[in-house]
Amino acid sequence: MMQQVGSSSASPEAEWRRRRESGRLSFQRCRACCAAIFYPRAICTHCGSQDLIFCDSAGVGRVESFTMIARPGDPGAESVVALAIVQLDEGIKLMAKLVDPPDGDIIGMTAVLVPKARLHDDFPSFRIKT
């Protein structure tokens, strides 16, 4: 279920980051054409309208693609990072970090947002629903 949250005078990216810091995953919805928009923009990428509002995602979607990235020799970082493209139920696609991914193929599996996880990263974190 989508929760609409009015617009702000902050830049779209600053508003998105503020919401993310409070544990929410937000996207924009165009009031003119109803398109879901992510990454935050000043105009609708579908119709060009500037009448956009922020909405909070329920944080549930499906894994479309994923990869495991090895980071050897970086003492302060995780040794393996799992990244995925997640198609959220609201209609947006985004790149996300996977927390404790299971072994094997996870394409098509349900991914659920992990609120407030690793807020210093640019990628929201998701966990595979088992």
C-alpha atoms as a PDB file:
ATOM      1  CA  MET A   1       0.000   0.000   0.000  1.00  0.00           C
ATOM      2  CA  MET A   2       1.335   3.388  -0.970  1.00  0.00           C
ATOM      3  CA  GLN A   3       1.402   6.291   1.436  1.00  0.00           C
ATOM      4  CA  GLN A   4       1.385   9.680  -0.263  1.00  0.00           C
ATOM      5  CA  VAL A   5       3.492  12.316   1.363  1.00  0.00           C
ATOM      6  CA  GLY A   6       3.276  15.869  -0.003  1.00  0.00           C
ATOM      7  CA  SER A   7       6.020  17.714  -1.767  1.00  0.00           C
ATOM      8  CA  SER A   8       8.785  19.702  -0.147  1.00  0.00           C
ATOM      9  CA  SER A   9      10.785  22.795  -1.031  1.00  0.00           C
ATOM     10  CA  ALA A  10      14.019  20.756  -0.825  1.00  0.00           C
ATOM     11  CA  SER A  11      15.587  19.427  -4.021  1.00  0.00           C
ATOM     12  CA  PRO A  12      14.134  16.045  -5.023  1.00  0.00           C
ATOM     13  CA  GLU A  13      17.375  14.220  -4.183  1.00  0.00           C
ATOM     14  CA  ALA A  14      17.741  15.987  -0.798  1.00  0.00           C
ATOM     15  CA  GLU A  15      14.133  15.125   0.072  1.00  0.00           C
ATOM     16  CA  TRP A  16      14.685  11.482  -0.939  1.00  0.00           C
ATOM     17  CA  ARG A  17      17.833  11.257   1.220  1.00  0.00           C
ATOM     18  CA  ARG A  18      16.028  12.837   4.186  1.00  0.00           C
ATOM     19  CA  ARG A  19      13.277  10.241   3.912  1.00  0.00           C
ATOM     20  CA  ARG A  20      15.824   7.440   3.503  1.00  0.00           C
ATOM     21  CA  GLU A  21      17.615   8.521   6.693  1.00  0.00           C
ATOM     22  CA  SER A  22      14.344   8.032   8.558  1.00  0.00           C
ATOM     23  CA  GLY A  23      14.135   4.449   7.254  1.00  0.00           C
ATOM     24  CA  ARG A  24      11.668   5.033   4.413  1.00  0.00           C
ATOM     25  CA  LEU A  25      12.071   4.101   0.783  1.00  0.00           C
ATOM     26  CA  SER A  26      10.391   6.802  -1.265  1.00  0.00           C
ATOM     27  CA  PHE A  27       9.682   7.362  -4.929  1.00  0.00           C
ATOM     28  CA  GLN A  28       7.793  10.021  -6.830  1.00  0.00           C
ATOM     29  CA  ARG A  29       4.393   9.798  -8.474  1.00  0.00           C
ATOM     30  CA  CYS A  30       3.325  12.187 -11.234  1.00  0.00           C
ATOM     31  CA  ARG A  31      -0.063  13.736 -10.548  1.00  0.00           C
ATOM     32  CA  ALA A  32      -0.577  14.384 -14.276  1.00  0.00           C
ATOM     33  CA  CYS A  33       0.012  10.875 -15.693  1.00  0.00           C
ATOM     34  CA  CYS A  34       0.251   8.731 -12.505  1.00  0.00           C
ATOM     35  CA  ALA A  35       3.688   7.360 -13.493  1.00  0.00           C
ATOM     36  CA  ALA A  36       5.937   6.055 -10.724  1.00  0.00           C
ATOM     37  CA  ILE A  37       9.373   7.694 -10.890  1.00  0.00           C
ATOM     38  CA  PHE A  38      12.669   6.680  -9.351  1.00  0.00           C
ATOM     39  CA  TYR A  39      15.455   8.126  -8.975  1.00  0.00           C
ATOM     40  CA  PRO A  40      14.094  11.517  -7.772  1.00  0.00           C
ATOM     41  CA  ARG A  41      13.658  14.103 -10.516  1.00  0.00           C
ATOM     42  CA  ALA A  42      12.335  17.634 -10.946  1.00  0.00           C
ATOM     43  CA  ILE A  43      10.093  16.645 -13.877  1.00  0.00           C
ATOM     44  CA  CYS A  44       8.177  13.512 -14.865  1.00  0.00           C
ATOM     45  CA  THR A  45      10.226  11.310 -17.191  1.00  0.00           C
ATOM     46  CA  HIS A  46       7.016  10.131 -18.871  1.00  0.00           C
ATOM     47  CA  CYS A  47       5.028  13.318 -19.586  1.00  0.00           C
ATOM     48  CA  GLY A  48       7.261  16.245 -18.568  1.00  0.00           C
ATOM     49  CA  SER A  49       4.983  17.518 -15.786  1.00  0.00           C
ATOM     50  CA  GLN A  50       6.532  19.178 -12.740  1.00  0.00           C
ATOM     51  CA  ASP A  51       3.592  18.132 -10.536  1.00  0.00           C
ATOM     52  CA  LEU A  52       5.303  15.330  -8.614  1.00  0.00           C
ATOM     53  CA  ILE A  53       4.707  14.071  -5.092  1.00  0.00           C
ATOM     54  CA  PHE A  54       6.746  11.741  -2.910  1.00  0.00           C
ATOM     55  CA  CYS A  55       5.217   8.425  -1.904  1.00  0.00           C
ATOM     56  CA  ASP A  56       6.548   5.810   0.498  1.00  0.00           C
ATOM     57  CA  SER A  57       7.029   2.320  -0.903  1.00  0.00           C
ATOM     58  CA  ALA A  58       5.785  -0.726   0.976  1.00  0.00           C
ATOM     59  CA  GLY A  59       9.280  -2.106   0.274  1.00  0.00           C
ATOM     60  CA  VAL A  60       8.263  -5.369  -1.397  1.00  0.00           C
ATOM     61  CA  GLY A  61       9.250  -6.528  -4.858  1.00  0.00           C
ATOM     62  CA  ARG A  62      10.844  -9.222  -6.971  1.00  0.00           C
ATOM     63  CA  VAL A  63      14.496  -9.800  -7.857  1.00  0.00           C
ATOM     64  CA  GLU A  64      15.018  -9.337 -11.608  1.00  0.00           C
ATOM     65  CA  SER A  65      18.785  -9.757 -11.659  1.00  0.00           C
ATOM     66  CA  PHE A  66      21.635 -10.088  -9.180  1.00  0.00           C
ATOM     67  CA  THR A  67      25.378 -10.418  -8.902  1.00  0.00           C
ATOM     68  CA  MET A  68      27.922 -11.171  -6.213  1.00  0.00           C
ATOM     69  CA  ILE A  69      30.931  -8.838  -6.101  1.00  0.00           C
ATOM     70  CA  ALA A  70      34.136  -9.929  -4.356  1.00  0.00           C
ATOM     71  CA  ARG A  71      36.122  -7.178  -2.654  1.00  0.00           C
ATOM     72  CA  PRO A  72      39.383  -8.805  -1.565  1.00  0.00           C
ATOM     73  CA  GLY A  73      41.984  -6.781   0.236  1.00  0.00           C
ATOM     74  CA  ASP A  74      39.697  -4.016   1.488  1.00  0.00           C
ATOM     75  CA  PRO A  75      39.979  -4.437   5.292  1.00  0.00           C
ATOM     76  CA  GLY A  76      37.122  -2.071   6.196  1.00  0.00           C
ATOM     77  CA  ALA A  77      34.590  -3.485   3.731  1.00  0.00           C
ATOM     78  CA  GLU A  78      32.522  -6.619   3.346  1.00  0.00           C
ATOM     79  CA  SER A  79      34.431  -9.304   1.442  1.00  0.00           C
ATOM     80  CA  VAL A  80      31.447 -10.114  -0.815  1.00  0.00           C
ATOM     81  CA  VAL A  81      28.627  -7.736  -1.697  1.00  0.00           C
ATOM     82  CA  ALA A  82      25.385  -8.909  -3.304  1.00  0.00           C
ATOM     83  CA  LEU A  83      23.646  -6.381  -5.564  1.00  0.00           C
ATOM     84  CA  ALA A  84      20.290  -6.857  -7.244  1.00  0.00           C
ATOM     85  CA  ILE A  85      17.839  -5.109  -9.514  1.00  0.00           C
ATOM     86  CA  VAL A  86      14.512  -5.191  -7.665  1.00  0.00           C
ATOM     87  CA  GLN A  87      11.166  -4.441  -9.335  1.00  0.00           C
ATOM     88  CA  LEU A  88       8.983  -3.015  -6.562  1.00  0.00           C
ATOM     89  CA  ASP A  89       5.244  -3.630  -6.425  1.00  0.00           C
ATOM     90  CA  GLU A  90       4.657   0.121  -6.994  1.00  0.00           C
ATOM     91  CA  GLY A  91       6.226  -0.152 -10.449  1.00  0.00           C
ATOM     92  CA  ILE A  92       9.741   1.198  -9.963  1.00  0.00           C
ATOM     93  CA  LYS A  93      13.025  -0.625 -10.478  1.00  0.00           C
ATOM     94  CA  LEU A  94      16.071   0.048  -8.386  1.00  0.00           C
ATOM     95  CA  MET A  95      19.482  -1.300  -7.554  1.00  0.00           C
ATOM     96  CA  ALA A  96      19.688  -2.679  -4.035  1.00  0.00           C
ATOM     97  CA  LYS A  97      22.058  -4.413  -1.690  1.00  0.00           C
ATOM     98  CA  LEU A  98      20.990  -7.869  -0.547  1.00  0.00           C
ATOM     99  CA  VAL A  99      21.449  -8.741   3.111  1.00  0.00           C
ATOM    100  CA  ASP A 100      22.365 -12.383   3.805  1.00  0.00           C
ATOM    101  CA  PRO A 101      21.335 -13.681   0.364  1.00  0.00           C
ATOM    102  CA  PRO A 102      20.641 -17.417   0.138  1.00  0.00           C
ATOM    103  CA  ASP A 103      22.783 -19.632  -2.081  1.00  0.00           C
ATOM    104  CA  GLY A 104      21.583 -20.355  -5.575  1.00  0.00           C
ATOM    105  CA  ASP A 105      19.390 -18.562  -8.072  1.00  0.00           C
ATOM    106  CA  ILE A 106      17.162 -15.919  -6.476  1.00  0.00           C
ATOM    107  CA  ILE A 107      15.720 -14.388  -9.645  1.00  0.00           C
ATOM    108  CA  GLY A 108      11.954 -14.045  -9.275  1.00  0.00           C
ATOM    109  CA  MET A 109      12.066 -14.355  -5.486  1.00  0.00           C
ATOM    110  CA  THR A 110      10.372 -11.809  -3.223  1.00  0.00           C
ATOM    111  CA  ALA A 111      12.657  -9.173  -1.698  1.00  0.00           C
ATOM    112  CA  VAL A 112      11.656  -7.119   1.355  1.00  0.00           C
ATOM    113  CA  LEU A 113      13.156  -3.791   2.423  1.00  0.00           C
ATOM    114  CA  VAL A 114      15.376  -3.803   5.511  1.00  0.00           C
ATOM    115  CA  PRO A 115      14.539  -0.394   7.037  1.00  0.00           C
ATOM    116  CA  LYS A 116      17.388   1.782   8.256  1.00  0.00           C
ATOM    117  CA  ALA A 117      20.005  -0.746   7.133  1.00  0.00           C
ATOM    118  CA  ARG A 118      23.367   0.702   6.121  1.00  0.00           C
ATOM    119  CA  LEU A 119      22.150   4.240   5.662  1.00  0.00           C
ATOM    120  CA  HIS A 120      25.629   5.382   4.671  1.00  0.00           C
ATOM    121  CA  ASP A 121      25.280   3.388   1.436  1.00  0.00           C
ATOM    122  CA  ASP A 122      23.554   4.785  -1.619  1.00  0.00           C
ATOM    123  CA  PHE A 123      21.697   1.513  -2.137  1.00  0.00           C
ATOM    124  CA  PRO A 124      18.667   0.478  -0.070  1.00  0.00           C
ATOM    125  CA  SER A 125      19.031  -2.957   1.536  1.00  0.00           C
ATOM    126  CA  PHE A 126      16.663  -5.853   0.936  1.00  0.00           C
ATOM    127  CA  ARG A 127      16.383  -9.370   2.319  1.00  0.00           C
ATOM    128  CA  ILE A 128      15.032 -12.348   0.373  1.00  0.00           C
ATOM    129  CA  LYS A 129      11.739 -13.555   1.816  1.00  0.00           C
ATOM    130  CA  THR A 130      11.930 -17.273   2.476  1.00  0.00           C
END
